[in-house]
PDB file of N, CA and C in Angstrom:
ATOM      1  N   MET A   1      23.249  76.394  60.715  1.00  0.00           N
ATOM      2  CA  MET A   1      24.649  76.268  61.101  1.00  0.00           C
ATOM      3  C   MET A   1      24.339  75.817  63.093  1.00  0.00           C
ATOM      4  N   ALA A   2      25.039  75.037  62.904  1.00  0.00           N
ATOM      5  CA  ALA A   2      24.803  74.362  64.513  1.00  0.00           C
ATOM      6  C   ALA A   2      25.731  75.087  65.777  1.00  0.00           C
ATOM      7  N   THR A   3      25.157  75.721  66.513  1.00  0.00           N
ATOM      8  CA  THR A   3      25.855  76.523  67.608  1.00  0.00           C
ATOM      9  C   THR A   3      26.380  75.568  68.800  1.00  0.00           C
ATOM     10  N   VAL A   4      27.484  75.531  69.384  1.00  0.00           N
ATOM     11  CA  VAL A   4      27.884  74.899  70.404  1.00  0.00           C
ATOM     12  C   VAL A   4      26.794  74.757  71.300  1.00  0.00           C
ATOM     13  N   ALA A   5      26.814  75.916  71.975  1.00  0.00           N
ATOM     14  CA  ALA A   5      24.850  75.785  72.587  1.00  0.00           C
ATOM     15  C   ALA A   5      24.013  74.639  71.976  1.00  0.00           C
ATOM     16  N   ASP A   6      23.745  74.607  71.052  1.00  0.00           N
ATOM     17  CA  ASP A   6      22.974  73.369  70.238  1.00  0.00           C
ATOM     18  C   ASP A   6      23.458  72.269  70.443  1.00  0.00           C
ATOM     19  N   MET A   7      24.783  71.980  70.288  1.00  0.00           N
ATOM     20  CA  MET A   7      25.532  70.611  70.193  1.00  0.00           C
ATOM     21  C   MET A   7      24.788  70.213  71.734  1.00  0.00           C
ATOM     22  N   LYS A   8      25.678  71.245  72.570  1.00  0.00           N
ATOM     23  CA  LYS A   8      25.555  70.642  73.976  1.00  0.00           C
ATOM     24  C   LYS A   8      23.916  70.471  74.483  1.00  0.00           C
ATOM     25  N   SER A   9      23.046  71.213  74.055  1.00  0.00           N
ATOM     26  CA  SER A   9      22.046  70.709  74.365  1.00  0.00           C
ATOM     27  C   SER A   9      21.030  69.320  74.124  1.00  0.00           C
ATOM     28  N   ALA A  10      21.923  69.023  72.283  1.00  0.00           N
ATOM     29  CA  ALA A  10      21.452  67.973  72.163  1.00  0.00           C
ATOM     30  C   ALA A  10      22.222  66.433  72.595  1.00  0.00           C
ATOM     31  N   ILE A  11      23.489  66.676  72.970  1.00  0.00           N
ATOM     32  CA  ILE A  11      24.288  65.948  73.669  1.00  0.00           C
ATOM     33  C   ILE A  11      23.192  65.241  75.088  1.00  0.00           C
ATOM     34  N   GLU A  12      23.422  66.877  75.835  1.00  0.00           N
ATOM     35  CA  GLU A  12      22.491  66.329  77.540  1.00  0.00           C
ATOM     36  C   GLU A  12      20.913  65.617  76.914  1.00  0.00           C
ATOM     37  N   ASP A  13      20.573  66.270  75.581  1.00  0.00           N
ATOM     38  CA  ASP A  13      18.905  65.770  75.607  1.00  0.00           C
ATOM     39  C   ASP A  13      19.364  64.042  75.348  1.00  0.00           C
ATOM     40  N   ALA A  14      20.292  63.903  75.094  1.00  0.00           N
ATOM     41  CA  ALA A  14      20.566  62.503  74.739  1.00  0.00           C
ATOM     42  C   ALA A  14      20.611  61.435  75.616  1.00  0.00           C
ATOM     43  N   GLY A  15      21.008  61.990  77.081  1.00  0.00           N
ATOM     44  CA  GLY A  15      21.564  61.259  77.842  1.00  0.00           C
ATOM     45  C   GLY A  15      22.926  61.173  77.938  1.00  0.00           C
ATOM     46  N   TYR A  16      23.641  62.131  77.770  1.00  0.00           N
ATOM     47  CA  TYR A  16      25.197  62.200  77.739  1.00  0.00           C
ATOM     48  C   TYR A  16      25.256  63.421  78.471  1.00  0.00           C
ATOM     49  N   GLN A  17      27.171  63.541  78.909  1.00  0.00           N
ATOM     50  CA  GLN A  17      27.306  64.594  79.737  1.00  0.00           C
ATOM     51  C   GLN A  17      28.358  65.349  78.579  1.00  0.00           C
ATOM     52  N   TYR A  18      28.059  66.716  78.350  1.00  0.00           N
ATOM     53  CA  TYR A  18      28.876  67.300  77.599  1.00  0.00           C
ATOM     54  C   TYR A  18      30.047  67.621  78.330  1.00  0.00           C
ATOM     55  N   LEU A  19      31.403  67.115  77.632  1.00  0.00           N
ATOM     56  CA  LEU A  19      32.863  68.263  78.690  1.00  0.00           C
ATOM     57  C   LEU A  19      33.369  69.104  78.109  1.00  0.00           C
ATOM     58  N   GLY A  20      32.753  69.945  76.755  1.00  0.00           N
ATOM     59  CA  GLY A  20      33.225  70.968  76.200  1.00  0.00           C
ATOM     60  C   GLY A  20      33.963  70.002  75.142  1.00  0.00           C
ATOM     61  N   VAL A  21      34.458  71.304  73.957  1.00  0.00           N
ATOM     62  CA  VAL A  21      35.060  71.096  73.172  1.00  0.00           C
ATOM     63  C   VAL A  21      36.343  70.687  73.299  1.00  0.00           C
ATOM     64  N   ALA A  22      36.870  69.727  72.228  1.00  0.00           N
ATOM     65  CA  ALA A  22      38.744  69.578  72.039  1.00  0.00           C
ATOM     66  C   ALA A  22      39.615  70.577  72.241  1.00  0.00           C
ATOM     67  N   GLY A  23      40.613  70.502  73.228  1.00  0.00           N
ATOM     68  CA  GLY A  23      41.782  71.182  73.075  1.00  0.00           C
ATOM     69  C   GLY A  23      41.227  72.588  74.151  1.00  0.00           C
ATOM     70  N   GLU A  24      39.999  72.858  74.755  1.00  0.00           N
ATOM     71  CA  GLU A  24      39.991  73.498  75.809  1.00  0.00           C
ATOM     72  C   GLU A  24      40.042  73.128  76.969  1.00  0.00           C
ATOM     73  N   GLY A  25      41.106  72.434  77.386  1.00  0.00           N
ATOM     74  CA  GLY A  25      41.374  71.570  78.460  1.00  0.00           C
ATOM     75  C   GLY A  25      40.628  70.708  79.183  1.00  0.00           C
ATOM     76  N   THR A  26      39.749  69.661  78.269  1.00  0.00           N
ATOM     77  CA  THR A  26      38.759  69.045  78.248  1.00  0.00           C
ATOM     78  C   THR A  26      39.293  67.647  78.990  1.00  0.00           C
ATOM     79  N   GLU A  27      40.883  67.789  78.524  1.00  0.00           N
ATOM     80  CA  GLU A  27      41.423  66.577  79.602  1.00  0.00           C
ATOM     81  C   GLU A  27      41.038  66.583  81.042  1.00  0.00           C
ATOM     82  N   ASP A  28      41.755  67.498  81.879  1.00  0.00           N
ATOM     83  CA  ASP A  28      41.059  67.471  83.144  1.00  0.00           C
ATOM     84  C   ASP A  28      39.722  67.660  83.596  1.00  0.00           C
ATOM     85  N   LEU A  29      38.653  67.882  82.654  1.00  0.00           N
ATOM     86  CA  LEU A  29      37.143  67.870  82.670  1.00  0.00           C
ATOM     87  C   LEU A  29      37.010  66.377  82.899  1.00  0.00           C
ATOM     88  N   GLU A  30      37.872  65.204  81.445  1.00  0.00           N
ATOM     89  CA  GLU A  30      37.538  64.051  81.413  1.00  0.00           C
ATOM     90  C   GLU A  30      37.688  63.056  82.702  1.00  0.00           C
ATOM     91  N   GLU A  31      39.273  63.793  82.784  1.00  0.00           N
ATOM     92  CA  GLU A  31      39.660  62.774  84.288  1.00  0.00           C
ATOM     93  C   GLU A  31      38.573  62.815  85.585  1.00  0.00           C
ATOM     94  N   VAL A  32      38.538  63.978  85.553  1.00  0.00           N
ATOM     95  CA  VAL A  32      37.432  64.993  86.988  1.00  0.00           C
ATOM     96  C   VAL A  32      35.864  63.803  87.190  1.00  0.00           C
ATOM     97  N   ALA A  33      35.423  64.116  85.469  1.00  0.00           N
ATOM     98  CA  ALA A  33      34.437  62.974  85.203  1.00  0.00           C
ATOM     99  C   ALA A  33      34.726  61.783  85.196  1.00  0.00           C
ATOM    100  N   ARG A  34      35.837  61.224  85.058  1.00  0.00           N
ATOM    101  CA  ARG A  34      35.871  59.565  85.175  1.00  0.00           C
ATOM    102  C   ARG A  34      35.930  59.143  86.992  1.00  0.00           C
ATOM    103  N   GLU A  35      37.057  59.975  87.632  1.00  0.00           N
ATOM    104  CA  GLU A  35      37.001  59.939  88.820  1.00  0.00           C
ATOM    105  C   GLU A  35      35.727  60.181  89.263  1.00  0.00           C
ATOM    106  N   ARG A  36      35.070  61.103  89.457  1.00  0.00           N
ATOM    107  CA  ARG A  36      33.789  60.667  90.102  1.00  0.00           C
ATOM    108  C   ARG A  36      32.514  59.809  89.738  1.00  0.00           C
ATOM    109  N   ASP A  37      32.481  59.001  88.261  1.00  0.00           N
ATOM    110  CA  ASP A  37      31.668  57.825  88.146  1.00  0.00           C
ATOM    111  C   ASP A  37      32.387  56.890  88.753  1.00  0.00           C
ATOM    112  N   LEU A  38      33.369  56.688  88.675  1.00  0.00           N
ATOM    113  CA  LEU A  38      34.343  55.535  89.680  1.00  0.00           C
ATOM    114  C   LEU A  38      33.632  55.338  90.791  1.00  0.00           C
ATOM    115  N   ARG A  39      34.076  57.069  91.823  1.00  0.00           N
ATOM    116  CA  ARG A  39      33.228  56.972  93.082  1.00  0.00           C
ATOM    117  C   ARG A  39      32.086  56.570  93.302  1.00  0.00           C
ATOM    118  N   GLU A  40      31.027  57.102  92.448  1.00  0.00           N
ATOM    119  CA  GLU A  40      29.915  56.886  92.474  1.00  0.00           C
ATOM    120  C   GLU A  40      29.750  55.136  92.666  1.00  0.00           C
ATOM    121  N   LYS A  41      30.571  54.444  91.339  1.00  0.00           N
ATOM    122  CA  LYS A  41      30.222  53.024  91.034  1.00  0.00           C
ATOM    123  C   LYS A  41      30.773  52.374  92.251  1.00  0.00           C
ATOM    124  N   ARG A  42      31.468  52.684  93.136  1.00  0.00           N
ATOM    125  CA  ARG A  42      32.615  52.092  93.918  1.00  0.00           C
ATOM    126  C   ARG A  42      31.388  52.191  95.585  1.00  0.00           C
ATOM    127  N   ASN A  43      30.636  53.253  95.734  1.00  0.00           N
ATOM    128  CA  ASN A  43      30.043  53.457  96.583  1.00  0.00           C
ATOM    129  C   ASN A  43      28.478  52.864  96.123  1.00  0.00           C
ATOM    130  N   ARG A  44      28.092  52.914  95.421  1.00  0.00           N
ATOM    131  CA  ARG A  44      27.131  52.021  95.118  1.00  0.00           C
ATOM    132  C   ARG A  44      27.170  50.464  95.436  1.00  0.00           C
ATOM    133  N   PHE A  45      28.392  49.857  95.212  1.00  0.00           N
ATOM    134  CA  PHE A  45      28.648  48.763  94.727  1.00  0.00           C
ATOM    135  C   PHE A  45      29.066  48.467  96.520  1.00  0.00           C
ATOM    136  N   ILE A  46      29.384  49.177  97.278  1.00  0.00           N
ATOM    137  CA  ILE A  46      29.442  48.745  98.687  1.00  0.00           C
ATOM    138  C   ILE A  46      28.413  49.084  99.571  1.00  0.00           C
ATOM    139  N   VAL A  47      27.575  49.581  99.476  1.00  0.00           N
ATOM    140  CA  VAL A  47      25.612  50.019  99.310  1.00  0.00           C
ATOM    141  C   VAL A  47      25.116  48.885  99.373  1.00  0.00           C
ATOM    142  N   GLY A  48      25.160  48.080  97.866  1.00  0.00           N
ATOM    143  CA  GLY A  48      24.718  46.607  97.750  1.00  0.00           C
ATOM    144  C   GLY A  48      25.163  45.762  98.812  1.00  0.00           C
ATOM    145  N   PHE A  49      26.363  45.605  98.577  1.00  0.00           N
ATOM    146  CA  PHE A  49      27.163  44.399  99.405  1.00  0.00           C
ATOM    147  C   PHE A  49      26.475  44.717 101.098  1.00  0.00           C
ATOM    148  N   ALA A  50      26.668  45.641 101.747  1.00  0.00           N
ATOM    149  CA  ALA A  50      26.535  46.369 102.903  1.00  0.00           C
ATOM    150  C   ALA A  50      25.421  45.508 103.623  1.00  0.00           C
ATOM    151  N   VAL A  51      24.359  45.853 102.490  1.00  0.00           N
ATOM    152  CA  VAL A  51      23.038  45.664 102.694  1.00  0.00           C
ATOM    153  C   VAL A  51      22.431  44.028 102.747  1.00  0.00           C
ATOM    154  N   GLY A  52      22.930  43.499 100.875  1.00  0.00           N
ATOM    155  CA  GLY A  52      22.529  42.246 100.619  1.00  0.00           C
ATOM    156  C   GLY A  52      23.278  41.354 101.641  1.00  0.00           C
ATOM    157  N   ILE A  53      24.651  41.074 101.816  1.00  0.00           N
ATOM    158  CA  ILE A  53      25.233  40.273 102.738  1.00  0.00           C
ATOM    159  C   ILE A  53      23.797  40.277 104.019  1.00  0.00           C
ATOM    160  N   PRO A  54      23.851  41.545 105.025  1.00  0.00           N
ATOM    161  CA  PRO A  54      23.410  40.800 106.338  1.00  0.00           C
ATOM    162  C   PRO A  54      22.268  40.434 106.106  1.00  0.00           C
ATOM    163  N   LEU A  55      21.170  40.682 104.954  1.00  0.00           N
ATOM    164  CA  LEU A  55      20.100  40.184 104.647  1.00  0.00           C
ATOM    165  C   LEU A  55      20.028  38.842 104.074  1.00  0.00           C
ATOM    166  N   MET A  56      21.061  38.480 103.848  1.00  0.00           N
ATOM    167  CA  MET A  56      21.361  36.773 103.212  1.00  0.00           C
ATOM    168  C   MET A  56      21.838  36.287 104.577  1.00  0.00           C
ATOM    169  N   ILE A  57      22.278  36.765 105.354  1.00  0.00           N
ATOM    170  CA  ILE A  57      22.472  35.998 106.243  1.00  0.00           C
ATOM    171  C   ILE A  57      21.211  35.670 107.193  1.00  0.00           C
ATOM    172  N   LEU A  58      20.497  36.761 107.771  1.00  0.00           N
ATOM    173  CA  LEU A  58      19.124  36.719 108.247  1.00  0.00           C
ATOM    174  C   LEU A  58      18.059  36.175 107.593  1.00  0.00           C
ATOM    175  N   MET A  59      18.489  35.744 106.529  1.00  0.00           N
ATOM    176  CA  MET A  59      17.014  34.460 105.697  1.00  0.00           C
ATOM    177  C   MET A  59      17.610  33.554 106.018  1.00  0.00           C
ATOM    178  N   ARG A  60      18.856  32.908 106.059  1.00  0.00           N
ATOM    179  CA  ARG A  60      19.295  31.629 106.479  1.00  0.00           C
ATOM    180  C   ARG A  60      18.964  31.194 108.207  1.00  0.00           C
ATOM    181  N   VAL A  61      19.023  32.053 108.792  1.00  0.00           N
ATOM    182  CA  VAL A  61      19.496  32.327 110.326  1.00  0.00           C
ATOM    183  C   VAL A  61      17.434  32.393 110.751  1.00  0.00           C
ATOM    184  N   THR A  62      17.062  33.248 110.593  1.00  0.00           N
ATOM    185  CA  THR A  62      15.829  33.200 111.225  1.00  0.00           C
ATOM    186  C   THR A  62      14.281  32.907 110.289  1.00  0.00           C
ATOM    187  N   VAL A  63      14.845  32.350 109.486  1.00  0.00           N
ATOM    188  CA  VAL A  63      13.173  31.976 108.450  1.00  0.00           C
ATOM    189  C   VAL A  63      12.531  31.020 109.354  1.00  0.00           C
ATOM    190  N   ALA A  64      12.727  30.162 110.592  1.00  0.00           N
ATOM    191  CA  ALA A  64      11.688  29.288 110.888  1.00  0.00           C
ATOM    192  C   ALA A  64      11.642  30.052 112.545  1.00  0.00           C
ATOM    193  N   LYS A  65      11.914  31.672 113.207  1.00  0.00           N
ATOM    194  CA  LYS A  65      11.306  32.023 114.186  1.00  0.00           C
ATOM    195  C   LYS A  65      10.430  32.994 113.578  1.00  0.00           C
ATOM    196  N   PHE A  66      10.760  33.600 112.439  1.00  0.00           N
ATOM    197  CA  PHE A  66       9.659  35.074 112.330  1.00  0.00           C
ATOM    198  C   PHE A  66       9.466  35.088 110.613  1.00  0.00           C
ATOM    199  N   PRO A  67       8.710  33.961 110.086  1.00  0.00           N
ATOM    200  CA  PRO A  67       8.455  34.008 108.907  1.00  0.00           C
ATOM    201  C   PRO A  67       7.754  34.874 108.051  1.00  0.00           C
ATOM    202  N   PHE A  68       6.670  35.802 108.604  1.00  0.00           N
ATOM    203  CA  PHE A  68       5.707  36.645 108.206  1.00  0.00           C
ATOM    204  C   PHE A  68       6.410  38.087 108.341  1.00  0.00           C
ATOM    205  N   SER A  69       6.994  38.396 109.890  1.00  0.00           N
ATOM    206  CA  SER A  69       7.660  39.739 109.551  1.00  0.00           C
ATOM    207  C   SER A  69       8.718  40.130 109.334  1.00  0.00           C
ATOM    208  N   MET A  70       9.564  39.094 108.855  1.00  0.00           N
ATOM    209  CA  MET A  70      10.822  39.046 108.574  1.00  0.00           C
ATOM    210  C   MET A  70      10.594  39.678 106.738  1.00  0.00           C
ATOM    211  N   ALA A  71      10.201  38.891 106.257  1.00  0.00           N
ATOM    212  CA  ALA A  71       9.451  39.438 105.340  1.00  0.00           C
ATOM    213  C   ALA A  71       9.514  41.160 104.885  1.00  0.00           C
ATOM    214  N   TYR A  72       8.618  41.860 105.973  1.00  0.00           N
ATOM    215  CA  TYR A  72       8.179  43.018 105.439  1.00  0.00           C
ATOM    216  C   TYR A  72       9.509  43.776 105.984  1.00  0.00           C
ATOM    217  N   PHE A  73      10.297  43.110 106.614  1.00  0.00           N
ATOM    218  CA  PHE A  73      11.443  44.201 107.420  1.00  0.00           C
ATOM    219  C   PHE A  73      12.312  44.004 106.337  1.00  0.00           C
ATOM    220  N   MET A  74      12.437  42.643 105.468  1.00  0.00           N
ATOM    221  CA  MET A  74      13.513  42.895 104.550  1.00  0.00           C
ATOM    222  C   MET A  74      13.162  43.722 103.428  1.00  0.00           C
ATOM    223  N   LEU A  75      12.172  43.410 103.261  1.00  0.00           N
ATOM    224  CA  LEU A  75      11.228  44.321 102.151  1.00  0.00           C
ATOM    225  C   LEU A  75      11.767  45.899 102.017  1.00  0.00           C
ATOM    226  N   VAL A  76      11.324  46.456 103.468  1.00  0.00           N
ATOM    227  CA  VAL A  76      11.780  47.760 104.379  1.00  0.00           C
ATOM    228  C   VAL A  76      13.083  47.819 103.954  1.00  0.00           C
ATOM    229  N   VAL A  77      14.281  47.157 104.244  1.00  0.00           N
ATOM    230  CA  VAL A  77      15.423  47.320 103.992  1.00  0.00           C
ATOM    231  C   VAL A  77      16.237  47.428 102.769  1.00  0.00           C
ATOM    232  N   SER A  78      15.702  46.771 102.032  1.00  0.00           N
ATOM    233  CA  SER A  78      16.342  46.450 100.998  1.00  0.00           C
ATOM    234  C   SER A  78      15.505  47.404 100.043  1.00  0.00           C
ATOM    235  N   ALA A  79      14.800  47.607  99.802  1.00  0.00           N
ATOM    236  CA  ALA A  79      13.901  48.786  98.339  1.00  0.00           C
ATOM    237  C   ALA A  79      15.079  49.784  98.756  1.00  0.00           C
ATOM    238  N   PRO A  80      14.905  50.390  99.355  1.00  0.00           N
ATOM    239  CA  PRO A  80      15.907  51.594  99.222  1.00  0.00           C
ATOM    240  C   PRO A  80      17.434  51.635  99.139  1.00  0.00           C
ATOM    241  N   ALA A  81      18.006  50.788  99.504  1.00  0.00           N
ATOM    242  CA  ALA A  81      18.970  50.024  98.614  1.00  0.00           C
ATOM    243  C   ALA A  81      19.146  49.700  97.578  1.00  0.00           C
ATOM    244  N   PHE A  82      18.130  48.952  96.876  1.00  0.00           N
ATOM    245  CA  PHE A  82      17.662  48.459  95.107  1.00  0.00           C
ATOM    246  C   PHE A  82      17.610  49.549  94.580  1.00  0.00           C
ATOM    247  N   ILE A  83      16.838  50.357  94.764  1.00  0.00           N
ATOM    248  CA  ILE A  83      16.561  51.803  94.322  1.00  0.00           C
ATOM    249  C   ILE A  83      17.850  52.400  93.553  1.00  0.00           C
ATOM    250  N   TYR A  84      18.662  52.953  95.028  1.00  0.00           N
ATOM    251  CA  TYR A  84      19.723  53.393  95.043  1.00  0.00           C
ATOM    252  C   TYR A  84      20.867  52.954  94.171  1.00  0.00           C
ATOM    253  N   VAL A  85      21.560  51.408  94.210  1.00  0.00           N
ATOM    254  CA  VAL A  85      22.188  50.830  93.882  1.00  0.00           C
ATOM    255  C   VAL A  85      21.830  50.920  91.878  1.00  0.00           C
ATOM    256  N   SER A  86      20.450  50.317  92.056  1.00  0.00           N
ATOM    257  CA  SER A  86      20.538  50.159  90.187  1.00  0.00           C
ATOM    258  C   SER A  86      19.463  51.295  89.759  1.00  0.00           C
ATOM    259  N   HIS A  87      19.575  52.775  90.431  1.00  0.00           N
ATOM    260  CA  HIS A  87      18.917  54.064  89.604  1.00  0.00           C
ATOM    261  C   HIS A  87      19.547  54.396  88.365  1.00  0.00           C
ATOM    262  N   PRO A  88      21.380  54.200  88.197  1.00  0.00           N
ATOM    263  CA  PRO A  88      21.460  54.202  86.899  1.00  0.00           C
ATOM    264  C   PRO A  88      20.898  53.760  86.057  1.00  0.00           C
ATOM    265  N   ILE A  89      21.052  52.542  86.124  1.00  0.00           N
ATOM    266  CA  ILE A  89      20.351  51.647  85.198  1.00  0.00           C
ATOM    267  C   ILE A  89      18.817  51.861  84.246  1.00  0.00           C
ATOM    268  N   PHE A  90      18.026  52.152  85.258  1.00  0.00           N
ATOM    269  CA  PHE A  90      16.856  52.022  85.362  1.00  0.00           C
ATOM    270  C   PHE A  90      16.841  53.751  84.464  1.00  0.00           C
ATOM    271  N   SER A  91      17.424  54.814  85.241  1.00  0.00           N
ATOM    272  CA  SER A  91      17.467  55.880  84.337  1.00  0.00           C
ATOM    273  C   SER A  91      17.728  56.573  83.100  1.00  0.00           C
ATOM    274  N   ALA A  92      18.852  55.470  82.835  1.00  0.00           N
ATOM    275  CA  ALA A  92      19.526  55.162  81.614  1.00  0.00           C
ATOM    276  C   ALA A  92      18.924  54.569  80.387  1.00  0.00           C
ATOM    277  N   ALA A  93      17.678  53.874  81.487  1.00  0.00           N
ATOM    278  CA  ALA A  93      17.323  52.810  80.372  1.00  0.00           C
ATOM    279  C   ALA A  93      15.808  54.173  79.889  1.00  0.00           C
ATOM    280  N   TYR A  94      15.534  54.871  80.684  1.00  0.00           N
ATOM    281  CA  TYR A  94      14.438  56.068  80.868  1.00  0.00           C
ATOM    282  C   TYR A  94      15.071  56.512  79.085  1.00  0.00           C
ATOM    283  N   ARG A  95      16.307  57.068  79.607  1.00  0.00           N
ATOM    284  CA  ARG A  95      16.360  58.120  78.408  1.00  0.00           C
ATOM    285  C   ARG A  95      16.651  57.591  76.925  1.00  0.00           C
ATOM    286  N   ALA A  96      17.053  56.151  77.278  1.00  0.00           N
ATOM    287  CA  ALA A  96      17.100  55.871  75.450  1.00  0.00           C
ATOM    288  C   ALA A  96      15.346  55.273  75.226  1.00  0.00           C
ATOM    289  N   LEU A  97      14.582  54.873  76.269  1.00  0.00           N
ATOM    290  CA  LEU A  97      13.205  54.725  75.529  1.00  0.00           C
ATOM    291  C   LEU A  97      12.706  55.998  75.232  1.00  0.00           C
ATOM    292  N   LYS A  98      12.995  57.293  75.727  1.00  0.00           N
ATOM    293  CA  LYS A  98      12.821  58.718  75.735  1.00  0.00           C
ATOM    294  C   LYS A  98      13.284  58.746  74.058  1.00  0.00           C
ATOM    295  N   ASN A  99      13.906  58.442  73.732  1.00  0.00           N
ATOM    296  CA  ASN A  99      14.499  58.873  72.661  1.00  0.00           C
ATOM    297  C   ASN A  99      14.640  57.528  71.124  1.00  0.00           C
ATOM    298  N   ARG A 100      13.604  57.338  71.721  1.00  0.00           N
ATOM    299  CA  ARG A 100      13.294  55.754  71.003  1.00  0.00           C
ATOM    300  C   ARG A 100      14.184  54.908  70.824  1.00  0.00           C
ATOM    301  N   ASN A 101      15.132  54.455  71.202  1.00  0.00           N
ATOM    302  CA  ASN A 101      16.158  53.758  71.338  1.00  0.00           C
ATOM    303  C   ASN A 101      15.937  52.411  72.269  1.00  0.00           C
ATOM    304  N   LEU A 102      16.278  51.074  71.822  1.00  0.00           N
ATOM    305  CA  LEU A 102      16.434  50.067  72.720  1.00  0.00           C
ATOM    306  C   LEU A 102      17.800  49.100  72.708  1.00  0.00           C
ATOM    307  N   ASN A 103      18.318  49.710  74.080  1.00  0.00           N
ATOM    308  CA  ASN A 103      19.791  49.170  74.427  1.00  0.00           C
ATOM    309  C   ASN A 103      19.792  48.161  75.581  1.00  0.00           C
ATOM    310  N   MET A 104      20.990  48.143  76.345  1.00  0.00           N
ATOM    311  CA  MET A 104      21.407  47.057  76.759  1.00  0.00           C
ATOM    312  C   MET A 104      20.639  47.238  78.504  1.00  0.00           C
ATOM    313  N   ASP A 105      20.301  48.794  78.327  1.00  0.00           N
ATOM    314  CA  ASP A 105      19.981  49.282  79.638  1.00  0.00           C
ATOM    315  C   ASP A 105      18.396  48.857  79.631  1.00  0.00           C
ATOM    316  N   VAL A 106      18.169  49.134  78.832  1.00  0.00           N
ATOM    317  CA  VAL A 106      16.344  48.527  78.893  1.00  0.00           C
ATOM    318  C   VAL A 106      16.464  47.192  78.817  1.00  0.00           C
ATOM    319  N   MET A 107      17.431  46.636  78.157  1.00  0.00           N
ATOM    320  CA  MET A 107      17.097  44.915  78.387  1.00  0.00           C
ATOM    321  C   MET A 107      17.152  44.754  80.140  1.00  0.00           C
ATOM    322  N   TYR A 108      18.165  44.990  80.489  1.00  0.00           N
ATOM    323  CA  TYR A 108      18.261  44.814  81.986  1.00  0.00           C
ATOM    324  C   TYR A 108      17.214  45.143  83.104  1.00  0.00           C
ATOM    325  N   SER A 109      16.525  46.318  82.980  1.00  0.00           N
ATOM    326  CA  SER A 109      15.704  46.820  83.077  1.00  0.00           C
ATOM    327  C   SER A 109      14.322  45.759  83.294  1.00  0.00           C
ATOM    328  N   MET A 110      14.084  45.529  82.135  1.00  0.00           N
ATOM    329  CA  MET A 110      13.066  44.860  82.045  1.00  0.00           C
ATOM    330  C   MET A 110      13.185  43.939  82.433  1.00  0.00           C
ATOM    331  N   GLY A 111      14.957  43.132  82.647  1.00  0.00           N
ATOM    332  CA  GLY A 111      14.888  42.156  83.226  1.00  0.00           C
ATOM    333  C   GLY A 111      14.623  41.846  84.851  1.00  0.00           C
ATOM    334  N   ILE A 112      14.705  42.909  85.192  1.00  0.00           N
ATOM    335  CA  ILE A 112      15.042  43.209  87.047  1.00  0.00           C
ATOM    336  C   ILE A 112      13.329  43.541  87.501  1.00  0.00           C
TER     337      ILE A 112
END
């Protein structure tokens, strides 16, 4: 027989979040998890646009003045933002590959 602890560890090893057994007040846990997830996605979206829009403007404005140094500047500025924004996709792809499962996250990661 599998215990609740065994099921919890199997769920978390597969890359999902264990919210408890139905009837144990899981509605509140689900709502808190949903709100936290939406807040994290909103923050990642805002960071992506806050970094991406100024870089796109700089690409059009300063191309003729600083062609070589601007490329390194954009790499340094955009790399941390890219890693922060795309971390959930790459971590989900890693979990899928670890479990020998190909899904859309793996495809997105290969395309990026």
